[in-house]
Amino acid sequence: MTKKNKIILAIGLIFGLLGFASKLVYRPWIMDNDINDMGINEFAPSFLYTAGICLIGASFSKMKPNKTMILIGVGSIAYELEQVFTSSSFDIKDLFAIIVALLVSLIIFKIVESKEQTAW
């Protein structure tokens, strides 16, 4: 694994862990204490999970990293849209969070890639 891939993996793992924390710790705390966080607890997990899995996927993929991240983003969008037809709850904010997470992941990857070319 290259240094670039290790850095991308580390950033992805941080995003993923923050996603778990936002869903398992932050969201219940906000709900239990009736705190108005302007909806952050609703879309933070979708944003953080998607960014995390995009970056983790890009660090391991044999395909072009951008293609991998886009496919993961499309899969996340498909999962969110599937909730319209099932008993799960659909939230337009989650779609927006997924799209923003994909864009942020692509930007992070480009930054790390450009830093690698300038030799950290």
PDB file of N, CA and C in Angstrom:
ATOM      1  N   MET A   1       0.848  -1.175   0.000  1.00  0.00           N
ATOM      2  CA  MET A   1       0.000   0.000   0.000  1.00  0.00           C
ATOM      3  C   MET A   1       0.898   1.244   0.000  1.00  0.00           C
ATOM      4  N   THR A   2       0.593   2.155  -0.888  1.00  0.00           N
ATOM      5  CA  THR A   2       1.400   3.365  -0.998  1.00  0.00           C
ATOM      6  C   THR A   2       1.120   4.312   0.172  1.00  0.00           C
ATOM      7  N   LYS A   3       1.996   5.272   0.340  1.00  0.00           N
ATOM      8  CA  LYS A   3       1.816   6.262   1.402  1.00  0.00           C
ATOM      9  C   LYS A   3       0.510   7.026   1.182  1.00  0.00           C
ATOM     10  N   LYS A   4       0.235   7.364  -0.071  1.00  0.00           N
ATOM     11  CA  LYS A   4      -1.007   8.074  -0.396  1.00  0.00           C
ATOM     12  C   LYS A   4      -2.216   7.249   0.034  1.00  0.00           C
ATOM     13  N   ASN A   5      -2.204   5.951  -0.291  1.00  0.00           N
ATOM     14  CA  ASN A   5      -3.330   5.094   0.070  1.00  0.00           C
ATOM     15  C   ASN A   5      -3.480   4.952   1.579  1.00  0.00           C
ATOM     16  N   LYS A   6      -2.357   4.922   2.290  1.00  0.00           N
ATOM     17  CA  LYS A   6      -2.422   4.844   3.748  1.00  0.00           C
ATOM     18  C   LYS A   6      -3.048   6.105   4.337  1.00  0.00           C
ATOM     19  N   ILE A   7      -2.704   7.239   3.776  1.00  0.00           N
ATOM     20  CA  ILE A   7      -3.266   8.509   4.245  1.00  0.00           C
ATOM     21  C   ILE A   7      -4.758   8.567   3.947  1.00  0.00           C
ATOM     22  N   ILE A   8      -5.139   8.174   2.734  1.00  0.00           N
ATOM     23  CA  ILE A   8      -6.558   8.147   2.351  1.00  0.00           C
ATOM     24  C   ILE A   8      -7.324   7.188   3.257  1.00  0.00           C
ATOM     25  N   LEU A   9      -6.749   6.020   3.519  1.00  0.00           N
ATOM     26  CA  LEU A   9      -7.384   5.040   4.407  1.00  0.00           C
ATOM     27  C   LEU A   9      -7.569   5.623   5.806  1.00  0.00           C
ATOM     28  N   ALA A  10      -6.544   6.272   6.337  1.00  0.00           N
ATOM     29  CA  ALA A  10      -6.632   6.857   7.686  1.00  0.00           C
ATOM     30  C   ALA A  10      -7.730   7.920   7.756  1.00  0.00           C
ATOM     31  N   ILE A  11      -7.789   8.772   6.750  1.00  0.00           N
ATOM     32  CA  ILE A  11      -8.830   9.813   6.731  1.00  0.00           C
ATOM     33  C   ILE A  11     -10.207   9.164   6.631  1.00  0.00           C
ATOM     34  N   GLY A  12     -10.316   8.140   5.788  1.00  0.00           N
ATOM     35  CA  GLY A  12     -11.590   7.429   5.653  1.00  0.00           C
ATOM     36  C   GLY A  12     -12.022   6.771   6.948  1.00  0.00           C
ATOM     37  N   LEU A  13     -11.075   6.164   7.656  1.00  0.00           N
ATOM     38  CA  LEU A  13     -11.403   5.543   8.941  1.00  0.00           C
ATOM     39  C   LEU A  13     -11.858   6.579   9.962  1.00  0.00           C
ATOM     40  N   ILE A  14     -11.233   7.745   9.946  1.00  0.00           N
ATOM     41  CA  ILE A  14     -11.658   8.822  10.856  1.00  0.00           C
ATOM     42  C   ILE A  14     -13.089   9.238  10.547  1.00  0.00           C
ATOM     43  N   PHE A  15     -13.394   9.437   9.274  1.00  0.00           N
ATOM     44  CA  PHE A  15     -14.769   9.786   8.889  1.00  0.00           C
ATOM     45  C   PHE A  15     -15.739   8.684   9.324  1.00  0.00           C
ATOM     46  N   GLY A  16     -15.369   7.427   9.093  1.00  0.00           N
ATOM     47  CA  GLY A  16     -16.237   6.320   9.466  1.00  0.00           C
ATOM     48  C   GLY A  16     -16.484   6.254  10.965  1.00  0.00           C
ATOM     49  N   LEU A  17     -15.433   6.416  11.753  1.00  0.00           N
ATOM     50  CA  LEU A  17     -15.591   6.408  13.212  1.00  0.00           C
ATOM     51  C   LEU A  17     -16.454   7.574  13.692  1.00  0.00           C
ATOM     52  N   LEU A  18     -16.268   8.720  13.065  1.00  0.00           N
ATOM     53  CA  LEU A  18     -17.122   9.865  13.410  1.00  0.00           C
ATOM     54  C   LEU A  18     -18.576   9.587  13.028  1.00  0.00           C
ATOM     55  N   GLY A  19     -18.782   8.848  11.930  1.00  0.00           N
ATOM     56  CA  GLY A  19     -20.142   8.459  11.544  1.00  0.00           C
ATOM     57  C   GLY A  19     -20.797   7.586  12.597  1.00  0.00           C
ATOM     58  N   PHE A  20     -20.041   6.579  13.088  1.00  0.00           N
ATOM     59  CA  PHE A  20     -20.572   5.737  14.162  1.00  0.00           C
ATOM     60  C   PHE A  20     -20.861   6.568  15.411  1.00  0.00           C
ATOM     61  N   ALA A  21     -19.947   7.448  15.771  1.00  0.00           N
ATOM     62  CA  ALA A  21     -20.139   8.282  16.956  1.00  0.00           C
ATOM     63  C   ALA A  21     -21.354   9.191  16.800  1.00  0.00           C
ATOM     64  N   SER A  22     -21.544   9.736  15.599  1.00  0.00           N
ATOM     65  CA  SER A  22     -22.680  10.635  15.401  1.00  0.00           C
ATOM     66  C   SER A  22     -24.008   9.891  15.491  1.00  0.00           C
ATOM     67  N   LYS A  23     -24.014   8.630  15.061  1.00  0.00           N
ATOM     68  CA  LYS A  23     -25.259   7.858  15.098  1.00  0.00           C
ATOM     69  C   LYS A  23     -25.501   7.222  16.468  1.00  0.00           C
ATOM     70  N   LEU A  24     -24.456   6.707  17.093  1.00  0.00           N
ATOM     71  CA  LEU A  24     -24.631   5.939  18.322  1.00  0.00           C
ATOM     72  C   LEU A  24     -24.508   6.766  19.601  1.00  0.00           C
ATOM     73  N   VAL A  25     -23.834   7.912  19.534  1.00  0.00           N
ATOM     74  CA  VAL A  25     -23.636   8.726  20.735  1.00  0.00           C
ATOM     75  C   VAL A  25     -24.302  10.094  20.588  1.00  0.00           C
ATOM     76  N   TYR A  26     -23.914  10.823  19.535  1.00  0.00           N
ATOM     77  CA  TYR A  26     -24.385  12.197  19.378  1.00  0.00           C
ATOM     78  C   TYR A  26     -25.895  12.277  19.177  1.00  0.00           C
ATOM     79  N   ARG A  27     -26.436  11.490  18.238  1.00  0.00           N
ATOM     80  CA  ARG A  27     -27.874  11.557  17.943  1.00  0.00           C
ATOM     81  C   ARG A  27     -28.716  11.222  19.173  1.00  0.00           C
ATOM     82  N   PRO A  28     -28.452  10.114  19.887  1.00  0.00           N
ATOM     83  CA  PRO A  28     -29.266   9.840  21.086  1.00  0.00           C
ATOM     84  C   PRO A  28     -29.157  10.936  22.146  1.00  0.00           C
ATOM     85  N   TRP A  29     -27.958  11.489  22.299  1.00  0.00           N
ATOM     86  CA  TRP A  29     -27.773  12.551  23.295  1.00  0.00           C
ATOM     87  C   TRP A  29     -28.606  13.787  22.930  1.00  0.00           C
ATOM     88  N   ILE A  30     -28.590  14.154  21.659  1.00  0.00           N
ATOM     89  CA  ILE A  30     -29.382  15.304  21.186  1.00  0.00           C
ATOM     90  C   ILE A  30     -30.867  15.048  21.399  1.00  0.00           C
ATOM     91  N   MET A  31     -31.314  13.834  21.027  1.00  0.00           N
ATOM     92  CA  MET A  31     -32.737  13.498  21.151  1.00  0.00           C
ATOM     93  C   MET A  31     -33.173  13.419  22.618  1.00  0.00           C
ATOM     94  N   ASP A  32     -32.362  12.786  23.442  1.00  0.00           N
ATOM     95  CA  ASP A  32     -32.712  12.628  24.861  1.00  0.00           C
ATOM     96  C   ASP A  32     -32.785  13.963  25.586  1.00  0.00           C
ATOM     97  N   ASN A  33     -31.940  14.897  25.201  1.00  0.00           N
ATOM     98  CA  ASN A  33     -31.893  16.194  25.872  1.00  0.00           C
ATOM     99  C   ASN A  33     -32.684  17.268  25.148  1.00  0.00           C
ATOM    100  N   ASP A  34     -33.401  16.871  24.094  1.00  0.00           N
ATOM    101  CA  ASP A  34     -34.256  17.791  23.331  1.00  0.00           C
ATOM    102  C   ASP A  34     -33.503  19.064  22.941  1.00  0.00           C
ATOM    103  N   ILE A  35     -32.329  18.862  22.329  1.00  0.00           N
ATOM    104  CA  ILE A  35     -31.478  19.972  21.910  1.00  0.00           C
ATOM    105  C   ILE A  35     -31.715  20.242  20.432  1.00  0.00           C
ATOM    106  N   ASN A  36     -31.852  21.499  20.082  1.00  0.00           N
ATOM    107  CA  ASN A  36     -32.006  21.875  18.680  1.00  0.00           C
ATOM    108  C   ASN A  36     -30.619  22.083  18.074  1.00  0.00           C
ATOM    109  N   ASP A  37     -30.162  21.109  17.299  1.00  0.00           N
ATOM    110  CA  ASP A  37     -28.853  21.229  16.641  1.00  0.00           C
ATOM    111  C   ASP A  37     -29.013  21.547  15.155  1.00  0.00           C
ATOM    112  N   MET A  38     -30.159  22.092  14.813  1.00  0.00           N
ATOM    113  CA  MET A  38     -30.490  22.495  13.437  1.00  0.00           C
ATOM    114  C   MET A  38     -30.435  21.311  12.466  1.00  0.00           C
ATOM    115  N   GLY A  39     -30.736  20.119  12.943  1.00  0.00           N
ATOM    116  CA  GLY A  39     -30.823  18.946  12.085  1.00  0.00           C
ATOM    117  C   GLY A  39     -29.514  18.236  11.811  1.00  0.00           C
ATOM    118  N   ILE A  40     -28.446  18.664  12.441  1.00  0.00           N
ATOM    119  CA  ILE A  40     -27.142  18.038  12.194  1.00  0.00           C
ATOM    120  C   ILE A  40     -27.188  16.551  12.524  1.00  0.00           C
ATOM    121  N   ASN A  41     -27.882  16.187  13.618  1.00  0.00           N
ATOM    122  CA  ASN A  41     -27.945  14.778  14.007  1.00  0.00           C
ATOM    123  C   ASN A  41     -28.673  13.931  12.972  1.00  0.00           C
ATOM    124  N   GLU A  42     -29.455  14.560  12.110  1.00  0.00           N
ATOM    125  CA  GLU A  42     -30.198  13.811  11.094  1.00  0.00           C
ATOM    126  C   GLU A  42     -29.328  13.456   9.893  1.00  0.00           C
ATOM    127  N   PHE A  43     -28.489  14.380   9.447  1.00  0.00           N
ATOM    128  CA  PHE A  43     -27.724  14.116   8.223  1.00  0.00           C
ATOM    129  C   PHE A  43     -26.243  13.806   8.464  1.00  0.00           C
ATOM    130  N   ALA A  44     -25.729  14.046   9.662  1.00  0.00           N
ATOM    131  CA  ALA A  44     -24.313  13.787   9.931  1.00  0.00           C
ATOM    132  C   ALA A  44     -23.914  12.337   9.672  1.00  0.00           C
ATOM    133  N   PRO A  45     -24.690  11.344  10.131  1.00  0.00           N
ATOM    134  CA  PRO A  45     -24.279   9.969   9.843  1.00  0.00           C
ATOM    135  C   PRO A  45     -24.184   9.676   8.347  1.00  0.00           C
ATOM    136  N   SER A  46     -25.144  10.135   7.567  1.00  0.00           N
ATOM    137  CA  SER A  46     -25.106   9.899   6.113  1.00  0.00           C
ATOM    138  C   SER A  46     -23.875  10.548   5.490  1.00  0.00           C
ATOM    139  N   PHE A  47     -23.579  11.755   5.895  1.00  0.00           N
ATOM    140  CA  PHE A  47     -22.406  12.449   5.369  1.00  0.00           C
ATOM    141  C   PHE A  47     -21.119  11.724   5.760  1.00  0.00           C
ATOM    142  N   LEU A  48     -20.973  11.439   7.046  1.00  0.00           N
ATOM    143  CA  LEU A  48     -19.727  10.862   7.545  1.00  0.00           C
ATOM    144  C   LEU A  48     -19.517   9.431   7.059  1.00  0.00           C
ATOM    145  N   TYR A  49     -20.584   8.614   7.060  1.00  0.00           N
ATOM    146  CA  TYR A  49     -20.459   7.244   6.562  1.00  0.00           C
ATOM    147  C   TYR A  49     -20.063   7.239   5.094  1.00  0.00           C
ATOM    148  N   THR A  50     -20.742   8.071   4.298  1.00  0.00           N
ATOM    149  CA  THR A  50     -20.466   8.080   2.863  1.00  0.00           C
ATOM    150  C   THR A  50     -19.044   8.556   2.585  1.00  0.00           C
ATOM    151  N   ALA A  51     -18.624   9.629   3.228  1.00  0.00           N
ATOM    152  CA  ALA A  51     -17.253  10.110   3.030  1.00  0.00           C
ATOM    153  C   ALA A  51     -16.255   9.038   3.452  1.00  0.00           C
ATOM    154  N   GLY A  52     -16.523   8.395   4.577  1.00  0.00           N
ATOM    155  CA  GLY A  52     -15.622   7.353   5.065  1.00  0.00           C
ATOM    156  C   GLY A  52     -15.513   6.187   4.104  1.00  0.00           C
ATOM    157  N   ILE A  53     -16.633   5.659   3.663  1.00  0.00           N
ATOM    158  CA  ILE A  53     -16.587   4.487   2.792  1.00  0.00           C
ATOM    159  C   ILE A  53     -16.035   4.841   1.413  1.00  0.00           C
ATOM    160  N   CYS A  54     -16.282   6.056   0.938  1.00  0.00           N
ATOM    161  CA  CYS A  54     -15.683   6.491  -0.337  1.00  0.00           C
ATOM    162  C   CYS A  54     -14.161   6.488  -0.248  1.00  0.00           C
ATOM    163  N   LEU A  55     -13.636   7.050   0.820  1.00  0.00           N
ATOM    164  CA  LEU A  55     -12.181   7.135   0.969  1.00  0.00           C
ATOM    165  C   LEU A  55     -11.559   5.772   1.257  1.00  0.00           C
ATOM    166  N   ILE A  56     -12.216   4.978   2.088  1.00  0.00           N
ATOM    167  CA  ILE A  56     -11.710   3.629   2.359  1.00  0.00           C
ATOM    168  C   ILE A  56     -11.711   2.813   1.074  1.00  0.00           C
ATOM    169  N   GLY A  57     -12.809   2.888   0.325  1.00  0.00           N
ATOM    170  CA  GLY A  57     -12.892   2.171  -0.950  1.00  0.00           C
ATOM    171  C   GLY A  57     -11.821   2.616  -1.924  1.00  0.00           C
ATOM    172  N   ALA A  58     -11.579   3.917  -1.996  1.00  0.00           N
ATOM    173  CA  ALA A  58     -10.563   4.446  -2.909  1.00  0.00           C
ATOM    174  C   ALA A  58      -9.165   3.978  -2.523  1.00  0.00           C
ATOM    175  N   SER A  59      -8.937   3.766  -1.241  1.00  0.00           N
ATOM    176  CA  SER A  59      -7.601   3.356  -0.796  1.00  0.00           C
ATOM    177  C   SER A  59      -7.290   1.902  -1.149  1.00  0.00           C
ATOM    178  N   PHE A  60      -8.326   1.079  -1.328  1.00  0.00           N
ATOM    179  CA  PHE A  60      -8.130  -0.340  -1.630  1.00  0.00           C
ATOM    180  C   PHE A  60      -8.437  -0.724  -3.073  1.00  0.00           C
ATOM    181  N   SER A  61      -9.141   0.118  -3.785  1.00  0.00           N
ATOM    182  CA  SER A  61      -9.672  -0.247  -5.094  1.00  0.00           C
ATOM    183  C   SER A  61      -8.590  -0.484  -6.147  1.00  0.00           C
ATOM    184  N   LYS A  62      -8.856  -1.431  -7.011  1.00  0.00           N
ATOM    185  CA  LYS A  62      -7.979  -1.675  -8.160  1.00  0.00           C
ATOM    186  C   LYS A  62      -8.400  -0.783  -9.337  1.00  0.00           C
ATOM    187  N   MET A  63      -9.631  -0.236  -9.268  1.00  0.00           N
ATOM    188  CA  MET A  63     -10.108   0.691 -10.287  1.00  0.00           C
ATOM    189  C   MET A  63      -9.526   2.080 -10.003  1.00  0.00           C
ATOM    190  N   LYS A  64      -9.834   3.002 -10.885  1.00  0.00           N
ATOM    191  CA  LYS A  64      -9.456   4.392 -10.618  1.00  0.00           C
ATOM    192  C   LYS A  64     -10.209   4.856  -9.371  1.00  0.00           C
ATOM    193  N   PRO A  65      -9.515   5.509  -8.447  1.00  0.00           N
ATOM    194  CA  PRO A  65     -10.157   5.926  -7.185  1.00  0.00           C
ATOM    195  C   PRO A  65     -11.402   6.793  -7.389  1.00  0.00           C
ATOM    196  N   ASN A  66     -11.356   7.714  -8.344  1.00  0.00           N
ATOM    197  CA  ASN A  66     -12.528   8.567  -8.581  1.00  0.00           C
ATOM    198  C   ASN A  66     -13.737   7.734  -8.983  1.00  0.00           C
ATOM    199  N   LYS A  67     -13.519   6.743  -9.838  1.00  0.00           N
ATOM    200  CA  LYS A  67     -14.607   5.868 -10.282  1.00  0.00           C
ATOM    201  C   LYS A  67     -15.166   5.088  -9.101  1.00  0.00           C
ATOM    202  N   THR A  68     -14.278   4.585  -8.247  1.00  0.00           N
ATOM    203  CA  THR A  68     -14.706   3.847  -7.061  1.00  0.00           C
ATOM    204  C   THR A  68     -15.576   4.726  -6.167  1.00  0.00           C
ATOM    205  N   MET A  69     -15.119   5.950  -5.912  1.00  0.00           N
ATOM    206  CA  MET A  69     -15.879   6.841  -5.033  1.00  0.00           C
ATOM    207  C   MET A  69     -17.230   7.198  -5.635  1.00  0.00           C
ATOM    208  N   ILE A  70     -17.278   7.422  -6.937  1.00  0.00           N
ATOM    209  CA  ILE A  70     -18.552   7.742  -7.587  1.00  0.00           C
ATOM    210  C   ILE A  70     -19.505   6.559  -7.497  1.00  0.00           C
ATOM    211  N   LEU A  71     -19.008   5.350  -7.722  1.00  0.00           N
ATOM    212  CA  LEU A  71     -19.869   4.167  -7.620  1.00  0.00           C
ATOM    213  C   LEU A  71     -20.392   3.978  -6.196  1.00  0.00           C
ATOM    214  N   ILE A  72     -19.553   4.225  -5.217  1.00  0.00           N
ATOM    215  CA  ILE A  72     -20.003   4.133  -3.820  1.00  0.00           C
ATOM    216  C   ILE A  72     -21.062   5.201  -3.541  1.00  0.00           C
ATOM    217  N   GLY A  73     -20.840   6.418  -4.031  1.00  0.00           N
ATOM    218  CA  GLY A  73     -21.828   7.484  -3.856  1.00  0.00           C
ATOM    219  C   GLY A  73     -23.153   7.154  -4.516  1.00  0.00           C
ATOM    220  N   VAL A  74     -23.104   6.604  -5.724  1.00  0.00           N
ATOM    221  CA  VAL A  74     -24.333   6.207  -6.428  1.00  0.00           C
ATOM    222  C   VAL A  74     -25.047   5.100  -5.651  1.00  0.00           C
ATOM    223  N   GLY A  75     -24.275   4.162  -5.114  1.00  0.00           N
ATOM    224  CA  GLY A  75     -24.876   3.109  -4.295  1.00  0.00           C
ATOM    225  C   GLY A  75     -25.549   3.660  -3.052  1.00  0.00           C
ATOM    226  N   SER A  76     -24.927   4.641  -2.427  1.00  0.00           N
ATOM    227  CA  SER A  76     -25.516   5.268  -1.240  1.00  0.00           C
ATOM    228  C   SER A  76     -26.801   6.014  -1.594  1.00  0.00           C
ATOM    229  N   ILE A  77     -26.793   6.677  -2.737  1.00  0.00           N
ATOM    230  CA  ILE A  77     -28.004   7.373  -3.203  1.00  0.00           C
ATOM    231  C   ILE A  77     -29.103   6.368  -3.497  1.00  0.00           C
ATOM    232  N   ALA A  78     -28.754   5.256  -4.148  1.00  0.00           N
ATOM    233  CA  ALA A  78     -29.745   4.217  -4.451  1.00  0.00           C
ATOM    234  C   ALA A  78     -30.343   3.658  -3.163  1.00  0.00           C
ATOM    235  N   TYR A  79     -29.503   3.425  -2.159  1.00  0.00           N
ATOM    236  CA  TYR A  79     -30.001   2.937  -0.880  1.00  0.00           C
ATOM    237  C   TYR A  79     -30.971   3.937  -0.260  1.00  0.00           C
ATOM    238  N   GLU A  80     -30.617   5.209  -0.318  1.00  0.00           N
ATOM    239  CA  GLU A  80     -31.490   6.241   0.251  1.00  0.00           C
ATOM    240  C   GLU A  80     -32.819   6.306  -0.506  1.00  0.00           C
ATOM    241  N   LEU A  81     -32.766   6.235  -1.832  1.00  0.00           N
ATOM    242  CA  LEU A  81     -33.995   6.285  -2.628  1.00  0.00           C
ATOM    243  C   LEU A  81     -34.848   5.037  -2.415  1.00  0.00           C
ATOM    244  N   GLU A  82     -34.213   3.910  -2.153  1.00  0.00           N
ATOM    245  CA  GLU A  82     -34.951   2.668  -1.889  1.00  0.00           C
ATOM    246  C   GLU A  82     -35.847   2.824  -0.669  1.00  0.00           C
ATOM    247  N   GLN A  83     -35.467   3.678   0.240  1.00  0.00           N
ATOM    248  CA  GLN A  83     -36.253   3.881   1.451  1.00  0.00           C
ATOM    249  C   GLN A  83     -37.600   4.534   1.171  1.00  0.00           C
ATOM    250  N   VAL A  84     -37.752   5.144   0.002  1.00  0.00           N
ATOM    251  CA  VAL A  84     -39.047   5.709  -0.383  1.00  0.00           C
ATOM    252  C   VAL A  84     -40.074   4.584  -0.499  1.00  0.00           C
ATOM    253  N   PHE A  85     -39.645   3.417  -0.966  1.00  0.00           N
ATOM    254  CA  PHE A  85     -40.556   2.316  -1.271  1.00  0.00           C
ATOM    255  C   PHE A  85     -40.657   1.278  -0.160  1.00  0.00           C
ATOM    256  N   THR A  86     -39.882   1.436   0.887  1.00  0.00           N
ATOM    257  CA  THR A  86     -39.937   0.493   2.000  1.00  0.00           C
ATOM    258  C   THR A  86     -40.453   1.203   3.236  1.00  0.00           C
ATOM    259  N   SER A  87     -40.470   0.505   4.318  1.00  0.00           N
ATOM    260  CA  SER A  87     -40.968   1.105   5.552  1.00  0.00           C
ATOM    261  C   SER A  87     -39.948   2.026   6.217  1.00  0.00           C
ATOM    262  N   SER A  88     -38.740   2.074   5.671  1.00  0.00           N
ATOM    263  CA  SER A  88     -37.720   2.960   6.242  1.00  0.00           C
ATOM    264  C   SER A  88     -38.080   4.415   5.968  1.00  0.00           C
ATOM    265  N   SER A  89     -37.465   5.303   6.705  1.00  0.00           N
ATOM    266  CA  SER A  89     -37.779   6.719   6.522  1.00  0.00           C
ATOM    267  C   SER A  89     -36.820   7.359   5.519  1.00  0.00           C
ATOM    268  N   PHE A  90     -37.386   8.036   4.549  1.00  0.00           N
ATOM    269  CA  PHE A  90     -36.626   8.755   3.523  1.00  0.00           C
ATOM    270  C   PHE A  90     -36.483  10.199   3.966  1.00  0.00           C
ATOM    271  N   ASP A  91     -35.286  10.750   3.764  1.00  0.00           N
ATOM    272  CA  ASP A  91     -35.032  12.139   4.142  1.00  0.00           C
ATOM    273  C   ASP A  91     -34.211  12.794   3.039  1.00  0.00           C
ATOM    274  N   ILE A  92     -34.723  13.856   2.477  1.00  0.00           N
ATOM    275  CA  ILE A  92     -34.040  14.565   1.392  1.00  0.00           C
ATOM    276  C   ILE A  92     -32.700  15.120   1.868  1.00  0.00           C
ATOM    277  N   LYS A  93     -32.609  15.455   3.159  1.00  0.00           N
ATOM    278  CA  LYS A  93     -31.335  15.955   3.697  1.00  0.00           C
ATOM    279  C   LYS A  93     -30.237  14.903   3.590  1.00  0.00           C
ATOM    280  N   ASP A  94     -30.618  13.632   3.716  1.00  0.00           N
ATOM    281  CA  ASP A  94     -29.635  12.558   3.576  1.00  0.00           C
ATOM    282  C   ASP A  94     -29.097  12.486   2.149  1.00  0.00           C
ATOM    283  N   LEU A  95     -29.968  12.690   1.164  1.00  0.00           N
ATOM    284  CA  LEU A  95     -29.496  12.722  -0.231  1.00  0.00           C
ATOM    285  C   LEU A  95     -28.489  13.848  -0.431  1.00  0.00           C
ATOM    286  N   PHE A  96     -28.814  15.008   0.089  1.00  0.00           N
ATOM    287  CA  PHE A  96     -27.912  16.149  -0.012  1.00  0.00           C
ATOM    288  C   PHE A  96     -26.590  15.837   0.697  1.00  0.00           C
ATOM    289  N   ALA A  97     -26.672  15.223   1.879  1.00  0.00           N
ATOM    290  CA  ALA A  97     -25.463  14.881   2.636  1.00  0.00           C
ATOM    291  C   ALA A  97     -24.594  13.889   1.873  1.00  0.00           C
ATOM    292  N   ILE A  98     -25.207  12.927   1.209  1.00  0.00           N
ATOM    293  CA  ILE A  98     -24.464  11.938   0.436  1.00  0.00           C
ATOM    294  C   ILE A  98     -23.734  12.600  -0.725  1.00  0.00           C
ATOM    295  N   ILE A  99     -24.424  13.493  -1.427  1.00  0.00           N
ATOM    296  CA  ILE A  99     -23.811  14.182  -2.570  1.00  0.00           C
ATOM    297  C   ILE A  99     -22.645  15.062  -2.103  1.00  0.00           C
ATOM    298  N   VAL A 100     -22.847  15.784  -1.015  1.00  0.00           N
ATOM    299  CA  VAL A 100     -21.781  16.635  -0.482  1.00  0.00           C
ATOM    300  C   VAL A 100     -20.611  15.774  -0.008  1.00  0.00           C
ATOM    301  N   ALA A 101     -20.905  14.641   0.631  1.00  0.00           N
ATOM    302  CA  ALA A 101     -19.849  13.739   1.102  1.00  0.00           C
ATOM    303  C   ALA A 101     -19.024  13.211  -0.068  1.00  0.00           C
ATOM    304  N   LEU A 102     -19.687  12.867  -1.154  1.00  0.00           N
ATOM    305  CA  LEU A 102     -18.968  12.405  -2.344  1.00  0.00           C
ATOM    306  C   LEU A 102     -18.046  13.497  -2.868  1.00  0.00           C
ATOM    307  N   LEU A 103     -18.557  14.709  -2.958  1.00  0.00           N
ATOM    308  CA  LEU A 103     -17.731  15.824  -3.435  1.00  0.00           C
ATOM    309  C   LEU A 103     -16.555  16.100  -2.497  1.00  0.00           C
ATOM    310  N   VAL A 104     -16.807  16.067  -1.202  1.00  0.00           N
ATOM    311  CA  VAL A 104     -15.733  16.282  -0.221  1.00  0.00           C
ATOM    312  C   VAL A 104     -14.680  15.183  -0.344  1.00  0.00           C
ATOM    313  N   SER A 105     -15.123  13.949  -0.524  1.00  0.00           N
ATOM    314  CA  SER A 105     -14.183  12.823  -0.679  1.00  0.00           C
ATOM    315  C   SER A 105     -13.310  12.994  -1.912  1.00  0.00           C
ATOM    316  N   LEU A 106     -13.926  13.390  -3.007  1.00  0.00           N
ATOM    317  CA  LEU A 106     -13.163  13.618  -4.239  1.00  0.00           C
ATOM    318  C   LEU A 106     -12.132  14.735  -4.040  1.00  0.00           C
ATOM    319  N   ILE A 107     -12.536  15.790  -3.349  1.00  0.00           N
ATOM    320  CA  ILE A 107     -11.621  16.909  -3.086  1.00  0.00           C
ATOM    321  C   ILE A 107     -10.479  16.462  -2.177  1.00  0.00           C
ATOM    322  N   ILE A 108     -10.803  15.727  -1.116  1.00  0.00           N
ATOM    323  CA  ILE A 108      -9.753  15.231  -0.213  1.00  0.00           C
ATOM    324  C   ILE A 108      -8.765  14.367  -0.976  1.00  0.00           C
ATOM    325  N   PHE A 109      -9.284  13.486  -1.825  1.00  0.00           N
ATOM    326  CA  PHE A 109      -8.402  12.615  -2.599  1.00  0.00           C
ATOM    327  C   PHE A 109      -7.479  13.443  -3.493  1.00  0.00           C
ATOM    328  N   LYS A 110      -8.020  14.446  -4.166  1.00  0.00           N
ATOM    329  CA  LYS A 110      -7.205  15.300  -5.043  1.00  0.00           C
ATOM    330  C   LYS A 110      -6.136  16.042  -4.247  1.00  0.00           C
ATOM    331  N   ILE A 111      -6.476  16.518  -3.056  1.00  0.00           N
ATOM    332  CA  ILE A 111      -5.503  17.232  -2.223  1.00  0.00           C
ATOM    333  C   ILE A 111      -4.373  16.297  -1.822  1.00  0.00           C
ATOM    334  N   VAL A 112      -4.722  15.095  -1.354  1.00  0.00           N
ATOM    335  CA  VAL A 112      -3.694  14.129  -0.945  1.00  0.00           C
ATOM    336  C   VAL A 112      -2.841  13.734  -2.144  1.00  0.00           C
ATOM    337  N   GLU A 113      -3.479  13.537  -3.282  1.00  0.00           N
ATOM    338  CA  GLU A 113      -2.744  13.177  -4.505  1.00  0.00           C
ATOM    339  C   GLU A 113      -1.774  14.287  -4.926  1.00  0.00           C
ATOM    340  N   SER A 114      -2.221  15.536  -4.838  1.00  0.00           N
ATOM    341  CA  SER A 114      -1.333  16.644  -5.216  1.00  0.00           C
ATOM    342  C   SER A 114      -0.198  16.816  -4.229  1.00  0.00           C
ATOM    343  N   LYS A 115      -0.465  16.564  -2.938  1.00  0.00           N
ATOM    344  CA  LYS A 115       0.602  16.647  -1.929  1.00  0.00           C
ATOM    345  C   LYS A 115       1.630  15.562  -2.143  1.00  0.00           C
ATOM    346  N   GLU A 116       1.181  14.391  -2.591  1.00  0.00           N
ATOM    347  CA  GLU A 116       2.106  13.292  -2.845  1.00  0.00           C
ATOM    348  C   GLU A 116       3.075  13.664  -3.982  1.00  0.00           C
ATOM    349  N   GLN A 117       2.559  14.354  -4.975  1.00  0.00           N
ATOM    350  CA  GLN A 117       3.382  14.758  -6.108  1.00  0.00           C
ATOM    351  C   GLN A 117       4.400  15.817  -5.712  1.00  0.00           C
ATOM    352  N   THR A 118       4.079  16.590  -4.675  1.00  0.00           N
ATOM    353  CA  THR A 118       5.036  17.607  -4.203  1.00  0.00           C
ATOM    354  C   THR A 118       5.850  17.083  -3.024  1.00  0.00           C
ATOM    355  N   ALA A 119       5.752  15.785  -2.770  1.00  0.00           N
ATOM    356  CA  ALA A 119       6.554  15.089  -1.758  1.00  0.00           C
ATOM    357  C   ALA A 119       6.379  15.661  -0.357  1.00  0.00           C
ATOM    358  N   TRP A 120       5.219  15.562   0.169  1.00  0.00           N
ATOM    359  CA  TRP A 120       4.887  15.946   1.548  1.00  0.00           C
ATOM    360  C   TRP A 120       6.022  16.690   2.159  1.00  0.00           C
TER     361      TRP A 120
END
